[in-house]
Amino acid sequence: MNELDEMNAETLDEGNEVKVIAKQLPVKIGTGSKVFDVIWWFLPPLIGGLIWMLLKVKAKNYFQQLQQKIQHDASQIDNYLEQRVQILQNCAKLLDKAIDLDKDTFTKIAAYRSKATPEGDAARNDYAETVGALARSVNIAFENYPDLRAHGELADAMQQNSYLQREITAAREVYNDTVNTWNRDIFAWPTKQIVAAKAGYTTRIPFIADKETKEAARQVFF
């Protein structure tokens, strides 16, 4: 029996927009898990307690390694974002020479070029969303002046911007896969969940598509 029966269950004709909930859930354990954690040491001839301790050490090492993997995947996104901001700054400079580019856009790009790498899941999402908005501003200016497309250096910079966006998308997939592994395993009872609860671990927020991108996806193209 399937709890969610797609063949017979009631459907929503108007659809349902899926959104990522930016909330970190702490790992908790109940009284039963706490008793389970200590009862091993009372089982003769204490070998059960030693085995249980080794299992918890293994789980702790696993989480520490997984955190390093998350950091590595996040740094890949950060590297591509930093490169993209630099490319956008170059594009803005070239556009500024040819047209009266919005000074606010130019100022924001320069400001983000000088910022440190974002820290934390939420900060990375905010940073990426702002960079995406700045990229659209530059692209709109580029598209509004067809003559600029013949500018070799500018066309090359815009192509690099497009390439970096694809790389960011791919890096986000890798990052989200690792975050999904983390979010799943910290609730794997008994060993991992008990270790995660004692360590104070919480779920991680996946990388989210920015608001303007999601709105653009709902538009009619044909």
Protein backbone atom coordinates (compact mmCIF):
# COMPACT_ATOMS: atom_id res chain seq x y z
CA MET A 1 0.00 0.00 0.00
CA ASN A 2 1.28 3.47 -0.92
CA GLU A 3 0.47 6.33 1.44
CA LEU A 4 0.69 8.72 -1.52
CA ASP A 5 -1.25 7.09 -4.34
CA GLU A 6 -0.79 9.20 -7.46
CA MET A 7 -3.35 7.09 -9.33
CA ASN A 8 -6.32 7.63 -7.02
CA ALA A 9 -5.49 10.51 -4.68
CA GLU A 10 -7.07 13.94 -5.03
CA THR A 11 -5.03 16.31 -7.21
CA LEU A 12 -4.67 20.08 -7.31
CA ASP A 13 -5.49 21.43 -10.77
CA GLU A 14 -4.06 24.84 -9.89
CA GLY A 15 -0.74 23.26 -8.99
CA ASN A 16 1.43 23.87 -5.96
CA GLU A 17 4.55 26.00 -6.00
CA VAL A 18 7.43 24.32 -4.21
CA LYS A 19 9.65 26.53 -2.09
CA VAL A 20 12.71 25.80 -0.01
CA ILE A 21 12.12 26.45 3.69
CA ALA A 22 15.18 28.29 4.99
CA LYS A 23 15.08 26.80 8.46
CA GLN A 24 17.62 24.70 10.33
CA LEU A 25 16.16 21.84 12.37
CA PRO A 26 18.14 20.68 15.43
CA VAL A 27 18.65 16.96 15.98
CA LYS A 28 16.94 15.76 19.15
CA ILE A 29 16.63 12.42 20.90
CA GLY A 30 14.06 11.20 23.40
CA THR A 31 14.36 9.32 26.66
CA GLY A 32 14.35 5.98 24.85
CA SER A 33 17.42 6.93 22.83
CA LYS A 34 19.22 8.18 25.94
CA VAL A 35 18.55 4.88 27.71
CA PHE A 36 19.66 2.99 24.60
CA ASP A 37 22.91 5.00 24.65
CA VAL A 38 23.93 3.93 28.18
CA ILE A 39 22.39 0.46 28.52
CA TRP A 40 25.17 -1.07 26.42
CA TRP A 41 27.62 -0.64 29.29
CA PHE A 42 25.44 -2.74 31.58
CA LEU A 43 25.39 -5.73 29.26
CA PRO A 44 27.89 -8.45 30.27
CA PRO A 45 30.75 -8.74 29.67
CA LEU A 46 30.93 -4.99 28.78
CA ILE A 47 32.03 -5.79 25.24
CA GLY A 48 28.74 -4.38 24.00
CA GLY A 49 29.66 -0.99 25.45
CA LEU A 50 33.03 -1.02 23.69
CA ILE A 51 31.43 -1.93 20.38
CA TRP A 52 28.85 0.84 20.83
CA MET A 53 31.61 3.34 21.62
CA LEU A 54 33.49 2.38 18.46
CA LEU A 55 30.31 2.77 16.39
CA LYS A 56 29.82 6.28 17.79
CA VAL A 57 33.44 7.20 17.09
CA LYS A 58 32.97 5.99 13.52
CA ALA A 59 29.79 8.06 13.18
CA LYS A 60 31.55 11.15 14.58
CA ASN A 61 34.41 10.74 12.11
CA TYR A 62 31.90 10.34 9.30
CA PHE A 63 30.17 13.61 10.17
CA GLN A 64 33.47 15.45 10.45
CA GLN A 65 34.49 14.23 7.00
CA LEU A 66 31.08 15.10 5.58
CA GLN A 67 31.38 18.63 6.97
CA GLN A 68 34.70 18.99 5.15
CA LYS A 69 33.00 17.80 1.96
CA ILE A 70 30.28 20.43 2.42
CA GLN A 71 32.96 23.09 2.94
CA HIS A 72 34.75 21.97 -0.21
CA ASP A 73 31.56 22.02 -2.29
CA ALA A 74 30.64 25.44 -0.89
CA SER A 75 34.08 26.82 -1.72
CA GLN A 76 33.59 25.74 -5.35
CA ILE A 77 30.44 27.87 -5.53
CA ASP A 78 32.24 30.76 -3.84
CA ASN A 79 35.11 30.56 -6.33
CA TYR A 80 32.77 30.69 -9.31
CA LEU A 81 30.78 33.54 -7.73
CA GLU A 82 33.95 35.52 -7.16
CA GLN A 83 35.05 34.95 -10.76
CA ARG A 84 31.61 35.97 -12.00
CA VAL A 85 31.67 39.22 -10.04
CA GLN A 86 35.08 40.01 -11.53
CA ILE A 87 33.79 39.32 -15.04
CA LEU A 88 30.73 41.49 -14.37
CA GLN A 89 32.98 44.29 -13.19
CA ASN A 90 34.92 44.06 -16.45
CA CYS A 91 31.66 44.06 -18.42
CA ALA A 92 30.42 47.08 -16.49
CA LYS A 93 33.62 48.99 -17.22
CA LEU A 94 33.37 48.23 -20.95
CA LEU A 95 29.68 49.16 -21.05
CA ASP A 96 30.32 52.32 -19.08
CA LYS A 97 32.72 53.48 -21.77
CA ALA A 98 30.16 52.88 -24.52
CA ILE A 99 26.88 53.88 -22.85
CA ASP A 100 25.61 55.62 -19.76
CA LEU A 101 25.38 52.54 -17.56
CA ASP A 102 23.28 52.76 -14.42
CA LYS A 103 25.76 54.06 -11.85
CA ASP A 104 24.03 52.16 -9.06
CA THR A 105 24.68 48.87 -10.85
CA PHE A 106 28.34 49.71 -11.35
CA THR A 107 28.73 50.74 -7.71
CA LYS A 108 27.12 47.54 -6.41
CA ILE A 109 29.31 45.33 -8.59
CA ALA A 110 32.43 47.10 -7.35
CA ALA A 111 31.24 46.70 -3.77
CA TYR A 112 30.65 42.98 -4.17
CA ARG A 113 34.04 42.58 -5.83
CA SER A 114 35.68 43.81 -2.64
CA LYS A 115 33.58 41.70 -0.26
CA ALA A 116 34.95 38.68 1.52
CA THR A 117 33.69 35.21 0.70
CA PRO A 118 30.20 34.72 2.18
CA GLU A 119 29.98 32.55 5.27
CA GLY A 120 27.07 30.28 6.06
CA ASP A 121 24.28 28.77 3.99
CA ALA A 122 21.90 31.74 4.22
CA ALA A 123 24.65 34.28 3.47
CA ARG A 124 25.72 32.32 0.39
CA ASN A 125 22.16 32.29 -0.92
CA ASP A 126 21.81 36.06 -0.41
CA TYR A 127 25.16 36.72 -2.05
CA ALA A 128 24.34 34.58 -5.09
CA GLU A 129 20.93 36.21 -5.46
CA THR A 130 22.47 39.70 -5.51
CA VAL A 131 25.15 38.66 -8.01
CA GLY A 132 22.43 37.17 -10.22
CA ALA A 133 20.45 40.42 -10.13
CA LEU A 134 23.56 42.42 -11.04
CA ALA A 135 24.27 40.05 -13.93
CA ARG A 136 20.77 40.61 -15.29
CA SER A 137 21.25 44.39 -15.10
CA VAL A 138 24.44 44.16 -17.15
CA ASN A 139 22.86 41.73 -19.62
CA ILE A 140 19.83 44.02 -20.13
CA ALA A 141 22.14 46.92 -20.91
CA PHE A 142 24.07 44.70 -23.33
CA GLU A 143 20.89 43.51 -25.08
CA ASN A 144 19.50 47.05 -25.40
CA TYR A 145 22.46 48.14 -27.52
CA PRO A 146 22.85 45.66 -30.42
CA ASP A 147 25.88 47.52 -31.77
CA LEU A 148 27.82 46.53 -28.65
CA ARG A 149 27.64 42.85 -29.59
CA ALA A 150 30.29 43.51 -32.24
CA HIS A 151 32.64 44.61 -29.45
CA GLY A 152 34.92 41.55 -29.27
CA GLU A 153 36.19 42.07 -25.74
CA LEU A 154 32.71 42.72 -24.36
CA ALA A 155 31.17 39.78 -26.23
CA ASP A 156 33.91 37.53 -24.82
CA ALA A 157 33.26 38.79 -21.28
CA MET A 158 29.52 38.14 -21.63
CA GLN A 159 30.28 34.63 -22.89
CA GLN A 160 32.48 34.02 -19.85
CA ASN A 161 29.65 35.25 -17.62
CA SER A 162 27.29 32.75 -19.23
CA TYR A 163 29.84 29.95 -18.80
CA LEU A 164 30.35 30.78 -15.12
CA GLN A 165 26.60 30.75 -14.52
CA ARG A 166 26.46 27.19 -15.87
CA GLU A 167 29.38 26.21 -13.66
CA ILE A 168 27.66 27.73 -10.63
CA THR A 169 24.51 25.73 -11.44
CA ALA A 170 26.54 22.50 -11.65
CA ALA A 171 28.41 23.30 -8.42
CA ARG A 172 25.10 23.99 -6.69
CA GLU A 173 23.87 20.53 -7.63
CA VAL A 174 26.95 18.92 -6.10
CA TYR A 175 26.62 21.06 -2.96
CA ASN A 176 22.92 20.28 -2.57
CA ASP A 177 23.58 16.54 -2.96
CA THR A 178 26.08 16.67 -0.10
CA VAL A 179 23.74 18.78 2.04
CA ASN A 180 20.97 16.25 1.36
CA THR A 181 23.25 13.45 2.57
CA TRP A 182 23.96 15.43 5.74
CA ASN A 183 20.30 16.24 6.38
CA ARG A 184 19.34 12.60 5.90
CA ASP A 185 22.11 11.00 7.93
CA ILE A 186 21.89 13.15 11.05
CA PHE A 187 18.46 11.59 11.61
CA ALA A 188 19.61 8.00 10.95
CA TRP A 189 18.80 6.21 14.22
CA PRO A 190 20.38 5.00 16.37
CA THR A 191 24.10 5.70 16.11
CA LYS A 192 24.23 8.72 13.83
CA GLN A 193 21.21 10.48 15.31
CA ILE A 194 22.47 10.05 18.87
CA VAL A 195 25.93 11.32 17.93
CA ALA A 196 24.44 14.23 15.95
CA ALA A 197 22.15 15.22 18.83
CA LYS A 198 24.99 15.19 21.34
CA ALA A 199 27.13 17.29 18.99
CA GLY A 200 24.30 19.83 18.56
CA TYR A 201 24.09 19.37 14.80
CA THR A 202 21.27 20.88 12.74
CA THR A 203 20.07 20.44 9.19
CA ARG A 204 21.74 22.54 6.49
CA ILE A 205 19.92 24.89 4.12
CA PRO A 206 20.34 23.86 0.45
CA PHE A 207 21.33 26.34 -2.22
CA ILE A 208 18.17 28.08 -3.44
CA ALA A 209 17.34 29.57 -6.83
CA ASP A 210 16.95 33.34 -6.50
CA LYS A 211 13.52 34.98 -6.58
CA GLU A 212 13.86 36.61 -10.02
CA THR A 213 14.94 33.34 -11.64
CA LYS A 214 11.91 31.52 -10.23
CA GLU A 215 9.61 34.32 -11.41
CA ALA A 216 11.14 34.22 -14.89
CA ALA A 217 10.57 30.46 -15.06
CA ARG A 218 6.82 31.01 -14.68
CA GLN A 219 6.61 33.34 -17.67
CA VAL A 220 5.09 32.27 -21.01
CA PHE A 221 7.83 32.02 -23.65
CA PHE A 222 5.78 30.91 -26.66
